[in-house]
Full PDB file with SEQRES, HELIX, SHEET, SSBOND, CRYST1, ORIGX, SCALE, CONECT and MASTER records, all heavy atoms in Angstrom:
SEQRES   1 A   38  PHE ASN GLU VAL MET GLN GLN MET GLU GLN THR ASP ILE          
SEQRES   2 A   38  PRO ALA GLU GLY ASN VAL TYR LEU THR SER VAL LYS GLN          
SEQRES   3 A   38  LEU GLU GLN THR ALA ILE LYS GLY GLN LEU GLN GLN              
HELIX    1 AA1 ASN A    2  GLN A    7  1                                   6    
HELIX    2 AA2 MET A    8  GLN A   10  5                                   3    
HELIX    3 AA3 LYS A   25  GLU A   28  1                                   4    
HELIX    4 AA4 ALA A   31  GLN A   37  1                                   7    
CRYST1    1.000    1.000    1.000  90.00  90.00  90.00 P 1           1          
ORIGX1      1.000000  0.000000  0.000000        0.00000                         
ORIGX2      0.000000  1.000000  0.000000        0.00000                         
ORIGX3      0.000000  0.000000  1.000000        0.00000                         
SCALE1      1.000000  0.000000  0.000000        0.00000                         
SCALE2      0.000000  1.000000  0.000000        0.00000                         
SCALE3      0.000000  0.000000  1.000000        0.00000                         
ATOM      1  N   PHE A   1     -16.824   4.076  -0.063  1.00  0.00           N  
ATOM      2  CA  PHE A   1     -15.594   3.289  -0.160  1.00  0.00           C  
ATOM      3  C   PHE A   1     -14.851   3.197   1.178  1.00  0.00           C  
ATOM      4  O   PHE A   1     -13.715   2.721   1.210  1.00  0.00           O  
ATOM      5  CB  PHE A   1     -14.663   3.899  -1.216  1.00  0.00           C  
ATOM      6  CG  PHE A   1     -15.155   3.730  -2.626  1.00  0.00           C  
ATOM      7  CD1 PHE A   1     -15.863   4.745  -3.256  1.00  0.00           C  
ATOM      8  CD2 PHE A   1     -14.919   2.550  -3.320  1.00  0.00           C  
ATOM      9  CE1 PHE A   1     -16.321   4.591  -4.557  1.00  0.00           C  
ATOM     10  CE2 PHE A   1     -15.375   2.382  -4.617  1.00  0.00           C  
ATOM     11  CZ  PHE A   1     -16.088   3.413  -5.238  1.00  0.00           C  
ATOM     12  N   ASN A   2     -15.469   3.627   2.267  1.00  0.00           N  
ATOM     13  CA  ASN A   2     -14.772   3.662   3.557  1.00  0.00           C  
ATOM     14  C   ASN A   2     -14.277   2.285   3.993  1.00  0.00           C  
ATOM     15  O   ASN A   2     -13.169   2.158   4.528  1.00  0.00           O  
ATOM     16  CB  ASN A   2     -15.688   4.247   4.644  1.00  0.00           C  
ATOM     17  CG  ASN A   2     -15.840   5.750   4.522  1.00  0.00           C  
ATOM     18  OD1 ASN A   2     -14.947   6.436   4.034  1.00  0.00           O  
ATOM     19  ND2 ASN A   2     -16.978   6.272   4.951  1.00  0.00           N  
ATOM     20  N   GLU A   3     -15.075   1.243   3.762  1.00  0.00           N  
ATOM     21  CA  GLU A   3     -14.697  -0.102   4.213  1.00  0.00           C  
ATOM     22  C   GLU A   3     -13.430  -0.579   3.494  1.00  0.00           C  
ATOM     23  O   GLU A   3     -12.505  -1.109   4.131  1.00  0.00           O  
ATOM     24  CB  GLU A   3     -15.844  -1.080   3.974  1.00  0.00           C  
ATOM     25  CG  GLU A   3     -15.615  -2.455   4.593  1.00  0.00           C  
ATOM     26  CD  GLU A   3     -16.776  -3.400   4.387  1.00  0.00           C  
ATOM     27  OE1 GLU A   3     -17.742  -3.041   3.678  1.00  0.00           O  
ATOM     28  OE2 GLU A   3     -16.707  -4.518   4.931  1.00  0.00           O  
ATOM     29  N   VAL A   4     -13.366  -0.391   2.170  1.00  0.00           N  
ATOM     30  CA  VAL A   4     -12.165  -0.842   1.447  1.00  0.00           C  
ATOM     31  C   VAL A   4     -10.971   0.071   1.736  1.00  0.00           C  
ATOM     32  O   VAL A   4      -9.830  -0.385   1.760  1.00  0.00           O  
ATOM     33  CB  VAL A   4     -12.401  -0.935  -0.077  1.00  0.00           C  
ATOM     34  CG1 VAL A   4     -13.157  -2.187  -0.436  1.00  0.00           C  
ATOM     35  CG2 VAL A   4     -13.088   0.303  -0.623  1.00  0.00           C  
ATOM     36  N   MET A   5     -11.251   1.336   1.988  1.00  0.00           N  
ATOM     37  CA  MET A   5     -10.164   2.249   2.360  1.00  0.00           C  
ATOM     38  C   MET A   5      -9.537   1.800   3.675  1.00  0.00           C  
ATOM     39  O   MET A   5      -8.311   1.822   3.842  1.00  0.00           O  
ATOM     40  CB  MET A   5     -10.689   3.677   2.470  1.00  0.00           C  
ATOM     41  CG  MET A   5     -11.147   4.301   1.159  1.00  0.00           C  
ATOM     42  SD  MET A   5      -9.789   4.850   0.105  1.00  0.00           S  
ATOM     43  CE  MET A   5      -9.365   6.397   0.905  1.00  0.00           C  
ATOM     44  N   GLN A   6     -10.364   1.366   4.607  1.00  0.00           N  
ATOM     45  CA  GLN A   6      -9.863   0.874   5.899  1.00  0.00           C  
ATOM     46  C   GLN A   6      -9.055  -0.411   5.711  1.00  0.00           C  
ATOM     47  O   GLN A   6      -8.024  -0.610   6.362  1.00  0.00           O  
ATOM     48  CB  GLN A   6     -11.028   0.645   6.861  1.00  0.00           C  
ATOM     49  CG  GLN A   6     -11.686   1.934   7.341  1.00  0.00           C  
ATOM     50  CD  GLN A   6     -12.947   1.681   8.147  1.00  0.00           C  
ATOM     51  OE1 GLN A   6     -13.306   0.534   8.432  1.00  0.00           O  
ATOM     52  NE2 GLN A   6     -13.641   2.753   8.508  1.00  0.00           N  
ATOM     53  N   GLN A   7      -9.520  -1.284   4.823  1.00  0.00           N  
ATOM     54  CA  GLN A   7      -8.776  -2.515   4.540  1.00  0.00           C  
ATOM     55  C   GLN A   7      -7.392  -2.203   3.972  1.00  0.00           C  
ATOM     56  O   GLN A   7      -6.420  -2.890   4.264  1.00  0.00           O  
ATOM     57  CB  GLN A   7      -9.555  -3.385   3.543  1.00  0.00           C  
ATOM     58  CG  GLN A   7     -10.809  -4.021   4.098  1.00  0.00           C  
ATOM     59  CD  GLN A   7     -10.516  -5.149   5.071  1.00  0.00           C  
ATOM     60  OE1 GLN A   7      -9.402  -5.670   5.141  1.00  0.00           O  
ATOM     61  NE2 GLN A   7     -11.511  -5.516   5.862  1.00  0.00           N  
ATOM     62  N   MET A   8      -7.300  -1.133   3.206  1.00  0.00           N  
ATOM     63  CA  MET A   8      -6.031  -0.769   2.594  1.00  0.00           C  
ATOM     64  C   MET A   8      -5.009  -0.257   3.605  1.00  0.00           C  
ATOM     65  O   MET A   8      -3.809  -0.207   3.304  1.00  0.00           O  
ATOM     66  CB  MET A   8      -6.258   0.274   1.505  1.00  0.00           C  
ATOM     67  CG  MET A   8      -6.897  -0.282   0.248  1.00  0.00           C  
ATOM     68  SD  MET A   8      -5.856  -1.493  -0.613  1.00  0.00           S  
ATOM     69  CE  MET A   8      -4.492  -0.441  -1.172  1.00  0.00           C  
ATOM     70  N   GLU A   9      -5.452   0.092   4.801  1.00  0.00           N  
ATOM     71  CA  GLU A   9      -4.522   0.496   5.849  1.00  0.00           C  
ATOM     72  C   GLU A   9      -3.614  -0.661   6.249  1.00  0.00           C  
ATOM     73  O   GLU A   9      -2.521  -0.443   6.783  1.00  0.00           O  
ATOM     74  CB  GLU A   9      -5.296   1.010   7.072  1.00  0.00           C  
ATOM     75  CG  GLU A   9      -6.036   2.324   6.818  1.00  0.00           C  
ATOM     76  CD  GLU A   9      -6.851   2.766   8.019  1.00  0.00           C  
ATOM     77  OE1 GLU A   9      -6.758   2.088   9.082  1.00  0.00           O  
ATOM     78  OE2 GLU A   9      -7.572   3.776   7.919  1.00  0.00           O  
ATOM     79  N   GLN A  10      -4.061  -1.888   5.969  1.00  0.00           N  
ATOM     80  CA  GLN A  10      -3.270  -3.073   6.329  1.00  0.00           C  
ATOM     81  C   GLN A  10      -2.239  -3.423   5.257  1.00  0.00           C  
ATOM     82  O   GLN A  10      -1.452  -4.354   5.434  1.00  0.00           O  
ATOM     83  CB  GLN A  10      -4.205  -4.281   6.537  1.00  0.00           C  
ATOM     84  CG  GLN A  10      -5.376  -4.026   7.471  1.00  0.00           C  
ATOM     85  CD  GLN A  10      -4.949  -3.529   8.835  1.00  0.00           C  
ATOM     86  OE1 GLN A  10      -4.013  -4.068   9.421  1.00  0.00           O  
ATOM     87  NE2 GLN A  10      -5.616  -2.501   9.344  1.00  0.00           N  
ATOM     88  N   THR A  11      -2.241  -2.711   4.146  1.00  0.00           N  
ATOM     89  CA  THR A  11      -1.302  -3.013   3.068  1.00  0.00           C  
ATOM     90  C   THR A  11      -0.086  -2.097   3.146  1.00  0.00           C  
ATOM     91  O   THR A  11      -0.159  -0.993   3.680  1.00  0.00           O  
ATOM     92  CB  THR A  11      -1.974  -2.852   1.692  1.00  0.00           C  
ATOM     93  OG1 THR A  11      -2.300  -1.467   1.468  1.00  0.00           O  
ATOM     94  CG2 THR A  11      -3.234  -3.697   1.605  1.00  0.00           C  
ATOM     95  N   ASP A  12       1.014  -2.567   2.592  1.00  0.00           N  
ATOM     96  CA  ASP A  12       2.269  -1.814   2.634  1.00  0.00           C  
ATOM     97  C   ASP A  12       2.621  -1.243   1.259  1.00  0.00           C  
ATOM     98  O   ASP A  12       2.208  -1.762   0.224  1.00  0.00           O  
ATOM     99  CB  ASP A  12       3.414  -2.723   3.097  1.00  0.00           C  
ATOM    100  CG  ASP A  12       3.212  -3.231   4.515  1.00  0.00           C  
ATOM    101  OD1 ASP A  12       2.739  -2.444   5.368  1.00  0.00           O  
ATOM    102  OD2 ASP A  12       3.524  -4.411   4.768  1.00  0.00           O  
ATOM    103  N   ILE A  13       3.420  -0.201   1.288  1.00  0.00           N  
ATOM    104  CA  ILE A  13       4.034   0.340   0.080  1.00  0.00           C  
ATOM    105  C   ILE A  13       5.453  -0.208   0.020  1.00  0.00           C  
ATOM    106  O   ILE A  13       6.205  -0.074   0.985  1.00  0.00           O  
ATOM    107  CB  ILE A  13       4.051   1.880   0.100  1.00  0.00           C  
ATOM    108  CG1 ILE A  13       2.614   2.419   0.115  1.00  0.00           C  
ATOM    109  CG2 ILE A  13       4.826   2.439  -1.085  1.00  0.00           C  
ATOM    110  CD1 ILE A  13       2.528   3.916   0.306  1.00  0.00           C  
ATOM    111  N   PRO A  14       5.842  -0.860  -1.071  1.00  0.00           N  
ATOM    112  CA  PRO A  14       7.187  -1.441  -1.138  1.00  0.00           C  
ATOM    113  C   PRO A  14       8.272  -0.376  -1.067  1.00  0.00           C  
ATOM    114  O   PRO A  14       8.041   0.792  -1.407  1.00  0.00           O  
ATOM    115  CB  PRO A  14       7.195  -2.162  -2.491  1.00  0.00           C  
ATOM    116  CG  PRO A  14       6.156  -1.461  -3.296  1.00  0.00           C  
ATOM    117  CD  PRO A  14       5.094  -1.050  -2.331  1.00  0.00           C  
ATOM    118  N   ALA A  15       9.440  -0.775  -0.629  1.00  0.00           N  
ATOM    119  CA  ALA A  15      10.566   0.161  -0.528  1.00  0.00           C  
ATOM    120  C   ALA A  15      10.986   0.669  -1.897  1.00  0.00           C  
ATOM    121  O   ALA A  15      11.443   1.804  -2.043  1.00  0.00           O  
ATOM    122  CB  ALA A  15      11.741  -0.506   0.179  1.00  0.00           C  
ATOM    123  N   GLU A  16      10.825  -0.178  -2.919  1.00  0.00           N  
ATOM    124  CA  GLU A  16      11.161   0.190  -4.295  1.00  0.00           C  
ATOM    125  C   GLU A  16      10.105  -0.374  -5.229  1.00  0.00           C  
ATOM    126  O   GLU A  16       9.508  -1.420  -4.964  1.00  0.00           O  
ATOM    127  CB  GLU A  16      12.533  -0.367  -4.692  1.00  0.00           C  
ATOM    128  CG  GLU A  16      13.705   0.210  -3.909  1.00  0.00           C  
ATOM    129  CD  GLU A  16      15.030  -0.374  -4.370  1.00  0.00           C  
ATOM    130  OE1 GLU A  16      15.014  -1.226  -5.289  1.00  0.00           O  
ATOM    131  OE2 GLU A  16      16.071   0.021  -3.814  1.00  0.00           O  
ATOM    132  N   GLY A  17       9.897   0.295  -6.353  1.00  0.00           N  
ATOM    133  CA  GLY A  17       8.993  -0.213  -7.372  1.00  0.00           C  
ATOM    134  C   GLY A  17       7.539  -0.239  -6.929  1.00  0.00           C  
ATOM    135  O   GLY A  17       7.131   0.458  -5.997  1.00  0.00           O  
ATOM    136  N   ASN A  18       6.769  -1.085  -7.622  1.00  0.00           N  
ATOM    137  CA  ASN A  18       5.339  -1.218  -7.346  1.00  0.00           C  
ATOM    138  C   ASN A  18       4.992  -2.662  -7.033  1.00  0.00           C  
ATOM    139  O   ASN A  18       5.685  -3.584  -7.459  1.00  0.00           O  
ATOM    140  CB  ASN A  18       4.506  -0.789  -8.558  1.00  0.00           C  
ATOM    141  CG  ASN A  18       4.763   0.644  -8.982  1.00  0.00           C  
ATOM    142  OD1 ASN A  18       5.114   1.494  -8.165  1.00  0.00           O  
ATOM    143  ND2 ASN A  18       4.591   0.916 -10.262  1.00  0.00           N  
ATOM    144  N   VAL A  19       3.881  -2.853  -6.324  1.00  0.00           N  
ATOM    145  CA  VAL A  19       3.306  -4.178  -6.154  1.00  0.00           C  
ATOM    146  C   VAL A  19       1.867  -4.104  -6.630  1.00  0.00           C  
ATOM    147  O   VAL A  19       1.136  -3.164  -6.289  1.00  0.00           O  
ATOM    148  CB  VAL A  19       3.381  -4.660  -4.689  1.00  0.00           C  
ATOM    149  CG1 VAL A  19       2.668  -3.710  -3.735  1.00  0.00           C  
ATOM    150  CG2 VAL A  19       2.805  -6.068  -4.551  1.00  0.00           C  
ATOM    151  N   TYR A  20       1.455  -5.081  -7.462  1.00  0.00           N  
ATOM    152  CA  TYR A  20       0.083  -5.123  -7.955  1.00  0.00           C  
ATOM    153  C   TYR A  20      -0.492  -6.507  -7.703  1.00  0.00           C  
ATOM    154  O   TYR A  20       0.083  -7.513  -8.136  1.00  0.00           O  
ATOM    155  CB  TYR A  20       0.018  -4.793  -9.446  1.00  0.00           C  
ATOM    156  CG  TYR A  20      -1.361  -5.036 -10.041  1.00  0.00           C  
ATOM    157  CD1 TYR A  20      -2.483  -4.399  -9.522  1.00  0.00           C  
ATOM    158  CD2 TYR A  20      -1.534  -5.932 -11.100  1.00  0.00           C  
ATOM    159  CE1 TYR A  20      -3.744  -4.628 -10.043  1.00  0.00           C  
ATOM    160  CE2 TYR A  20      -2.796  -6.170 -11.638  1.00  0.00           C  
ATOM    161  CZ  TYR A  20      -3.895  -5.515 -11.100  1.00  0.00           C  
ATOM    162  OH  TYR A  20      -5.158  -5.747 -11.612  1.00  0.00           O  
ATOM    163  N   LEU A  21      -1.612  -6.565  -7.009  1.00  0.00           N  
ATOM    164  CA  LEU A  21      -2.337  -7.804  -6.765  1.00  0.00           C  
ATOM    165  C   LEU A  21      -3.687  -7.695  -7.457  1.00  0.00           C  
ATOM    166  O   LEU A  21      -4.438  -6.745  -7.213  1.00  0.00           O  
ATOM    167  CB  LEU A  21      -2.516  -8.046  -5.267  1.00  0.00           C  
ATOM    168  CG  LEU A  21      -1.235  -8.167  -4.443  1.00  0.00           C  
ATOM    169  CD1 LEU A  21      -1.568  -8.388  -2.973  1.00  0.00           C  
ATOM    170  CD2 LEU A  21      -0.356  -9.301  -4.960  1.00  0.00           C  
ATOM    171  N   THR A  22      -3.995  -8.640  -8.323  1.00  0.00           N  
ATOM    172  CA  THR A  22      -5.211  -8.545  -9.132  1.00  0.00           C  
ATOM    173  C   THR A  22      -6.480  -8.732  -8.313  1.00  0.00           C  
ATOM    174  O   THR A  22      -7.497  -8.075  -8.561  1.00  0.00           O  
ATOM    175  CB  THR A  22      -5.206  -9.600 -10.250  1.00  0.00           C  
ATOM    176  OG1 THR A  22      -5.103 -10.898  -9.666  1.00  0.00           O  
ATOM    177  CG2 THR A  22      -4.041  -9.382 -11.196  1.00  0.00           C  
ATOM    178  N   SER A  23      -6.442  -9.655  -7.337  1.00  0.00           N  
ATOM    179  CA  SER A  23      -7.643 -10.033  -6.593  1.00  0.00           C  
ATOM    180  C   SER A  23      -7.278 -10.274  -5.131  1.00  0.00           C  
ATOM    181  O   SER A  23      -6.449 -11.131  -4.827  1.00  0.00           O  
ATOM    182  CB  SER A  23      -8.232 -11.314  -7.218  1.00  0.00           C  
ATOM    183  OG  SER A  23      -9.374 -11.742  -6.521  1.00  0.00           O  
ATOM    184  N   VAL A  24      -7.892  -9.491  -4.243  1.00  0.00           N  
ATOM    185  CA  VAL A  24      -7.566  -9.563  -2.817  1.00  0.00           C  
ATOM    186  C   VAL A  24      -8.838  -9.893  -2.028  1.00  0.00           C  
ATOM    187  O   VAL A  24      -9.831  -9.149  -2.086  1.00  0.00           O  
ATOM    188  CB  VAL A  24      -6.973  -8.228  -2.323  1.00  0.00           C  
ATOM    189  CG1 VAL A  24      -6.701  -8.275  -0.822  1.00  0.00           C  
ATOM    190  CG2 VAL A  24      -5.685  -7.916  -3.092  1.00  0.00           C  
ATOM    191  N   LYS A  25      -8.808 -11.005  -1.329  1.00  0.00           N  
ATOM    192  CA  LYS A  25      -9.989 -11.524  -0.630  1.00  0.00           C  
ATOM    193  C   LYS A  25     -10.604 -10.497   0.303  1.00  0.00           C  
ATOM    194  O   LYS A  25     -11.829 -10.318   0.335  1.00  0.00           O  
ATOM    195  CB  LYS A  25      -9.602 -12.791   0.140  1.00  0.00           C  
ATOM    196  CG  LYS A  25     -10.749 -13.472   0.860  1.00  0.00           C  
ATOM    197  CD  LYS A  25     -10.256 -14.738   1.554  1.00  0.00           C  
ATOM    198  CE  LYS A  25     -11.397 -15.423   2.318  1.00  0.00           C  
ATOM    199  NZ  LYS A  25     -10.914 -16.653   3.007  1.00  0.00           N  
ATOM    200  N   GLN A  26      -9.764  -9.818   1.081  1.00  0.00           N  
ATOM    201  CA  GLN A  26     -10.287  -8.864   2.068  1.00  0.00           C  
ATOM    202  C   GLN A  26     -11.055  -7.718   1.406  1.00  0.00           C  
ATOM    203  O   GLN A  26     -12.027  -7.207   1.966  1.00  0.00           O  
ATOM    204  CB  GLN A  26      -9.139  -8.296   2.911  1.00  0.00           C  
ATOM    205  CG  GLN A  26      -8.510  -9.293   3.863  1.00  0.00           C  
ATOM    206  CD  GLN A  26      -7.423 -10.135   3.189  1.00  0.00           C  
ATOM    207  OE1 GLN A  26      -7.328 -10.183   1.963  1.00  0.00           O  
ATOM    208  NE2 GLN A  26      -6.599 -10.783   4.010  1.00  0.00           N  
ATOM    209  N   LEU A  27     -10.625  -7.321   0.225  1.00  0.00           N  
ATOM    210  CA  LEU A  27     -11.323  -6.248  -0.495  1.00  0.00           C  
ATOM    211  C   LEU A  27     -12.606  -6.774  -1.139  1.00  0.00           C  
ATOM    212  O   LEU A  27     -13.619  -6.070  -1.197  1.00  0.00           O  
ATOM    213  CB  LEU A  27     -10.407  -5.649  -1.565  1.00  0.00           C  
ATOM    214  CG  LEU A  27      -9.108  -5.012  -1.085  1.00  0.00           C  
ATOM    215  CD1 LEU A  27      -8.317  -4.460  -2.273  1.00  0.00           C  
ATOM    216  CD2 LEU A  27      -9.377  -3.892  -0.079  1.00  0.00           C  
ATOM    217  N   GLU A  28     -12.559  -8.013  -1.594  1.00  0.00           N  
ATOM    218  CA  GLU A  28     -13.707  -8.572  -2.304  1.00  0.00           C  
ATOM    219  C   GLU A  28     -14.812  -9.041  -1.372  1.00  0.00           C  
ATOM    220  O   GLU A  28     -15.926  -9.339  -1.828  1.00  0.00           O  
ATOM    221  CB  GLU A  28     -13.244  -9.717  -3.208  1.00  0.00           C  
ATOM    222  CG  GLU A  28     -12.335  -9.227  -4.332  1.00  0.00           C  
ATOM    223  CD  GLU A  28     -11.858 -10.308  -5.266  1.00  0.00           C  
ATOM    224  OE1 GLU A  28     -11.962 -11.500  -4.888  1.00  0.00           O  
ATOM    225  OE2 GLU A  28     -11.386  -9.963  -6.354  1.00  0.00           O  
ATOM    226  N   GLN A  29     -14.540  -9.081  -0.073  1.00  0.00           N  
ATOM    227  CA  GLN A  29     -15.569  -9.456   0.892  1.00  0.00           C  
ATOM    228  C   GLN A  29     -16.336  -8.245   1.420  1.00  0.00           C  
ATOM    229  O   GLN A  29     -17.178  -8.378   2.298  1.00  0.00           O  
ATOM    230  CB  GLN A  29     -14.936 -10.223   2.057  1.00  0.00           C  
ATOM    231  CG  GLN A  29     -14.459 -11.622   1.673  1.00  0.00           C  
ATOM    232  CD  GLN A  29     -13.789 -12.351   2.817  1.00  0.00           C  
ATOM    233  OE1 GLN A  29     -13.232 -11.738   3.732  1.00  0.00           O  
ATOM    234  NE2 GLN A  29     -13.825 -13.675   2.781  1.00  0.00           N  
ATOM    235  N   THR A  30     -16.069  -7.083   0.870  1.00  0.00           N  
ATOM    236  CA  THR A  30     -16.747  -5.861   1.297  1.00  0.00           C  
ATOM    237  C   THR A  30     -18.017  -5.637   0.487  1.00  0.00           C  
ATOM    238  O   THR A  30     -18.180  -6.168  -0.618  1.00  0.00           O  
ATOM    239  CB  THR A  30     -15.829  -4.640   1.148  1.00  0.00           C  
ATOM    240  OG1 THR A  30     -15.438  -4.520  -0.226  1.00  0.00           O  
ATOM    241  CG2 THR A  30     -14.580  -4.786   2.012  1.00  0.00           C  
ATOM    242  N   ALA A  31     -18.909  -4.802   1.035  1.00  0.00           N  
ATOM    243  CA  ALA A  31     -20.198  -4.546   0.388  1.00  0.00           C  
ATOM    244  C   ALA A  31     -20.045  -3.838  -0.949  1.00  0.00           C  
ATOM    245  O   ALA A  31     -20.868  -4.010  -1.855  1.00  0.00           O  
ATOM    246  CB  ALA A  31     -21.080  -3.717   1.320  1.00  0.00           C  
ATOM    247  N   ILE A  32     -18.985  -3.056  -1.100  1.00  0.00           N  
ATOM    248  CA  ILE A  32     -18.836  -2.254  -2.314  1.00  0.00           C  
ATOM    249  C   ILE A  32     -18.666  -3.128  -3.550  1.00  0.00           C  
ATOM    250  O   ILE A  32     -19.046  -2.724  -4.666  1.00  0.00           O  
ATOM    251  CB  ILE A  32     -17.649  -1.262  -2.174  1.00  0.00           C  
ATOM    252  CG1 ILE A  32     -17.701  -0.177  -3.265  1.00  0.00           C  
ATOM    253  CG2 ILE A  32     -16.326  -2.002  -2.213  1.00  0.00           C  
ATOM    254  CD1 ILE A  32     -18.877   0.742  -3.161  1.00  0.00           C  
ATOM    255  N   LYS A  33     -18.127  -4.326  -3.405  1.00  0.00           N  
ATOM    256  CA  LYS A  33     -17.945  -5.187  -4.577  1.00  0.00           C  
ATOM    257  C   LYS A  33     -19.269  -5.457  -5.274  1.00  0.00           C  
ATOM    258  O   LYS A  33     -19.401  -5.299  -6.491  1.00  0.00           O  
ATOM    259  CB  LYS A  33     -17.281  -6.517  -4.210  1.00  0.00           C  
ATOM    260  CG  LYS A  33     -17.074  -7.389  -5.450  1.00  0.00           C  
ATOM    261  CD  LYS A  33     -16.640  -8.809  -5.132  1.00  0.00           C  
ATOM    262  CE  LYS A  33     -16.550  -9.620  -6.428  1.00  0.00           C  
ATOM    263  NZ  LYS A  33     -16.233 -11.032  -6.198  1.00  0.00           N  
ATOM    264  N   GLY A  34     -20.276  -5.852  -4.505  1.00  0.00           N  
ATOM    265  CA  GLY A  34     -21.585  -6.147  -5.085  1.00  0.00           C  
ATOM    266  C   GLY A  34     -22.221  -4.921  -5.714  1.00  0.00           C  
ATOM    267  O   GLY A  34     -22.863  -5.012  -6.770  1.00  0.00           O  
ATOM    268  N   GLN A  35     -22.027  -3.768  -5.080  1.00  0.00           N  
ATOM    269  CA  GLN A  35     -22.598  -2.537  -5.622  1.00  0.00           C  
ATOM    270  C   GLN A  35     -21.962  -2.173  -6.962  1.00  0.00           C  
ATOM    271  O   GLN A  35     -22.661  -1.831  -7.927  1.00  0.00           O  
ATOM    272  CB  GLN A  35     -22.413  -1.400  -4.618  1.00  0.00           C  
ATOM    273  CG  GLN A  35     -23.188  -1.591  -3.325  1.00  0.00           C  
ATOM    274  CD  GLN A  35     -22.836  -0.545  -2.285  1.00  0.00           C  
ATOM    275  OE1 GLN A  35     -22.220   0.472  -2.588  1.00  0.00           O  
ATOM    276  NE2 GLN A  35     -23.231  -0.789  -1.042  1.00  0.00           N  
ATOM    277  N   LEU A  36     -20.630  -2.241  -7.022  1.00  0.00           N  
ATOM    278  CA  LEU A  36     -19.942  -1.912  -8.279  1.00  0.00           C  
ATOM    279  C   LEU A  36     -20.261  -2.940  -9.356  1.00  0.00           C  
ATOM    280  O   LEU A  36     -20.467  -2.591 -10.526  1.00  0.00           O  
ATOM    281  CB  LEU A  36     -18.434  -1.849  -8.042  1.00  0.00           C  
ATOM    282  CG  LEU A  36     -17.934  -0.752  -7.100  1.00  0.00           C  
ATOM    283  CD1 LEU A  36     -16.429  -0.877  -6.880  1.00  0.00           C  
ATOM    284  CD2 LEU A  36     -18.286   0.634  -7.626  1.00  0.00           C  
ATOM    285  N   GLN A  37     -20.316  -4.206  -8.962  1.00  0.00           N  
ATOM    286  CA  GLN A  37     -20.589  -5.271  -9.926  1.00  0.00           C  
ATOM    287  C   GLN A  37     -21.956  -5.071 -10.567  1.00  0.00           C  
ATOM    288  O   GLN A  37     -22.115  -5.256 -11.787  1.00  0.00           O  
ATOM    289  CB  GLN A  37     -20.511  -6.619  -9.218  1.00  0.00           C  
ATOM    290  CG  GLN A  37     -20.625  -7.823 -10.137  1.00  0.00           C  
ATOM    291  CD  GLN A  37     -20.152  -9.091  -9.457  1.00  0.00           C  
ATOM    292  OE1 GLN A  37     -18.974  -9.260  -9.182  1.00  0.00           O  
ATOM    293  NE2 GLN A  37     -21.078  -9.992  -9.182  1.00  0.00           N  
ATOM    294  N   GLN A  38     -22.921  -4.654  -9.770  1.00  0.00           N  
ATOM    295  CA  GLN A  38     -24.272  -4.491 -10.280  1.00  0.00           C  
ATOM    296  C   GLN A  38     -24.455  -3.175 -11.028  1.00  0.00           C  
ATOM    297  O   GLN A  38     -25.025  -3.130 -12.114  1.00  0.00           O  
ATOM    298  CB  GLN A  38     -25.282  -4.566  -9.128  1.00  0.00           C  
ATOM    299  CG  GLN A  38     -26.726  -4.507  -9.580  1.00  0.00           C  
ATOM    300  CD  GLN A  38     -27.111  -5.669 -10.483  1.00  0.00           C  
ATOM    301  OE1 GLN A  38     -26.665  -6.799 -10.278  1.00  0.00           O  
ATOM    302  NE2 GLN A  38     -27.930  -5.403 -11.497  1.00  0.00           N  
TER     303      GLN A  38                                                      
MASTER        0    0    0    4    0    0    0    6  302    1    0    3          
END                                                                             
């Protein structure tokens, strides 16, 4: 999961509450998506 973990370094934690994004292009372009899907 190193590639997606690195991508997550570019994301922020909101000052309050939570943020949830269902589908993120940068995460879905990683090799792990195909592995998990299969």
